[in-house]
Amino acid sequence: MELKGELFGQCLMRRGVITQEQLDEALHRQQTTMPDRKVGEILIRLGHIGKRQFTEGLADQLGVAAFGCRNWRFLHRSRR
């Protein structure tokens, strides 16, 4: 899947989910104490975003729709 060219943190800032300061903190942590972590995971660990905001931001970055499975209703049930 091809990215639209926008970095994940920039996507979240454009959407008003995080501030520049929060992104800077996550990037600093990534460069110093969490080099093996992605920015989204660091933002979750810092409490700046939740899993839903992560999913919606990632979907926006990738240009795909995000939806939760809890809201789906099964139209057909298997017969026993």
C-alpha atoms as a PDB file:
ATOM      1  CA  MET A   1       0.000   0.000   0.000  1.00  0.00           C
ATOM      2  CA  GLU A   2       1.404   3.381  -0.972  1.00  0.00           C
ATOM      3  CA  LEU A   3       1.498   6.292   1.463  1.00  0.00           C
ATOM      4  CA  LYS A   4       0.102   9.660   0.422  1.00  0.00           C
ATOM      5  CA  GLY A   5       3.419  11.329   1.323  1.00  0.00           C
ATOM      6  CA  GLU A   6       2.399  12.731   4.710  1.00  0.00           C
ATOM      7  CA  LEU A   7       4.123  11.450   7.831  1.00  0.00           C
ATOM      8  CA  PHE A   8       1.936   9.967  10.563  1.00  0.00           C
ATOM      9  CA  GLY A   9       2.637  12.693  13.117  1.00  0.00           C
ATOM     10  CA  GLN A  10       1.914  15.403  10.558  1.00  0.00           C
ATOM     11  CA  CYS A  11      -1.363  13.682   9.712  1.00  0.00           C
ATOM     12  CA  LEU A  12      -2.398  13.712  13.381  1.00  0.00           C
ATOM     13  CA  MET A  13      -1.466  17.381  13.713  1.00  0.00           C
ATOM     14  CA  ARG A  14      -3.421  18.325  10.579  1.00  0.00           C
ATOM     15  CA  ARG A  15      -6.447  16.565  12.062  1.00  0.00           C
ATOM     16  CA  GLY A  16      -6.032  18.460  15.357  1.00  0.00           C
ATOM     17  CA  VAL A  17      -5.415  15.297  17.355  1.00  0.00           C
ATOM     18  CA  ILE A  18      -1.979  16.254  18.700  1.00  0.00           C
ATOM     19  CA  THR A  19       0.033  19.439  19.086  1.00  0.00           C
ATOM     20  CA  GLN A  20       3.479  20.243  17.688  1.00  0.00           C
ATOM     21  CA  GLU A  21       4.853  19.921  21.232  1.00  0.00           C
ATOM     22  CA  GLN A  22       3.412  16.420  21.624  1.00  0.00           C
ATOM     23  CA  LEU A  23       4.871  15.346  18.289  1.00  0.00           C
ATOM     24  CA  ASP A  24       8.244  16.847  19.201  1.00  0.00           C
ATOM     25  CA  GLU A  25       8.215  14.916  22.480  1.00  0.00           C
ATOM     26  CA  ALA A  26       7.449  11.659  20.676  1.00  0.00           C
ATOM     27  CA  LEU A  27      10.156  12.282  18.068  1.00  0.00           C
ATOM     28  CA  HIS A  28      12.679  13.096  20.808  1.00  0.00           C
ATOM     29  CA  ARG A  29      11.826   9.867  22.625  1.00  0.00           C
ATOM     30  CA  GLN A  30      12.140   7.948  19.363  1.00  0.00           C
ATOM     31  CA  GLN A  31      15.632   9.362  18.812  1.00  0.00           C
ATOM     32  CA  THR A  32      16.832   8.841  22.385  1.00  0.00           C
ATOM     33  CA  THR A  33      15.128   6.182  24.503  1.00  0.00           C
ATOM     34  CA  MET A  34      12.747   4.386  22.099  1.00  0.00           C
ATOM     35  CA  PRO A  35      14.621   3.961  18.800  1.00  0.00           C
ATOM     36  CA  ASP A  36      12.847   0.709  17.933  1.00  0.00           C
ATOM     37  CA  ARG A  37       9.345   2.193  18.326  1.00  0.00           C
ATOM     38  CA  LYS A  38       7.135   3.890  15.745  1.00  0.00           C
ATOM     39  CA  VAL A  39       5.876   7.403  16.460  1.00  0.00           C
ATOM     40  CA  GLY A  40       2.274   6.207  16.781  1.00  0.00           C
ATOM     41  CA  GLU A  41       3.185   3.664  19.446  1.00  0.00           C
ATOM     42  CA  ILE A  42       5.149   6.284  21.362  1.00  0.00           C
ATOM     43  CA  LEU A  43       2.221   8.715  21.224  1.00  0.00           C
ATOM     44  CA  ILE A  44      -0.034   5.983  22.648  1.00  0.00           C
ATOM     45  CA  ARG A  45       2.457   5.151  25.411  1.00  0.00           C
ATOM     46  CA  LEU A  46       2.717   8.837  26.327  1.00  0.00           C
ATOM     47  CA  GLY A  47      -1.068   9.070  26.533  1.00  0.00           C
ATOM     48  CA  HIS A  48      -1.344  11.667  23.759  1.00  0.00           C
ATOM     49  CA  ILE A  49      -3.582   9.480  21.566  1.00  0.00           C
ATOM     50  CA  GLY A  50      -5.762   6.430  22.032  1.00  0.00           C
ATOM     51  CA  LYS A  51      -6.035   3.332  19.880  1.00  0.00           C
ATOM     52  CA  ARG A  52      -9.039   4.719  18.039  1.00  0.00           C
ATOM     53  CA  GLN A  53      -7.213   7.951  17.177  1.00  0.00           C
ATOM     54  CA  PHE A  54      -4.253   5.844  16.042  1.00  0.00           C
ATOM     55  CA  THR A  55      -6.462   3.721  13.771  1.00  0.00           C
ATOM     56  CA  GLU A  56      -8.273   6.726  12.299  1.00  0.00           C
ATOM     57  CA  GLY A  57      -5.006   8.600  11.740  1.00  0.00           C
ATOM     58  CA  LEU A  58      -3.395   5.614  10.060  1.00  0.00           C
ATOM     59  CA  ALA A  59      -6.421   5.126   7.813  1.00  0.00           C
ATOM     60  CA  ASP A  60      -6.298   8.808   6.874  1.00  0.00           C
ATOM     61  CA  GLN A  61      -2.575   8.595   6.144  1.00  0.00           C
ATOM     62  CA  LEU A  62      -3.101   5.545   3.924  1.00  0.00           C
ATOM     63  CA  GLY A  63      -6.225   6.946   2.264  1.00  0.00           C
ATOM     64  CA  VAL A  64      -8.487   4.090   3.337  1.00  0.00           C
ATOM     65  CA  ALA A  65     -11.662   3.875   5.410  1.00  0.00           C
ATOM     66  CA  ALA A  66     -11.488   2.958   9.082  1.00  0.00           C
ATOM     67  CA  PHE A  67     -14.280   1.125  10.828  1.00  0.00           C
ATOM     68  CA  GLY A  68     -14.770  -0.871  13.978  1.00  0.00           C
ATOM     69  CA  CYS A  69     -15.968  -4.447  13.929  1.00  0.00           C
ATOM     70  CA  ARG A  70     -18.104  -3.982  17.046  1.00  0.00           C
ATOM     71  CA  ASN A  71     -20.684  -2.063  15.031  1.00  0.00           C
ATOM     72  CA  TRP A  72     -21.131  -4.701  12.352  1.00  0.00           C
ATOM     73  CA  ARG A  73     -24.211  -6.884  12.400  1.00  0.00           C
ATOM     74  CA  PHE A  74     -24.212 -10.214  10.704  1.00  0.00           C
ATOM     75  CA  LEU A  75     -26.927 -10.447   8.096  1.00  0.00           C
ATOM     76  CA  HIS A  76     -26.756 -14.197   7.692  1.00  0.00           C
ATOM     77  CA  ARG A  77     -26.313 -16.772  10.382  1.00  0.00           C
ATOM     78  CA  SER A  78     -24.870 -20.160   9.700  1.00  0.00           C
ATOM     79  CA  ARG A  79     -27.333 -23.029   9.820  1.00  0.00           C
ATOM     80  CA  ARG A  80     -26.663 -25.980  12.057  1.00  0.00           C
END
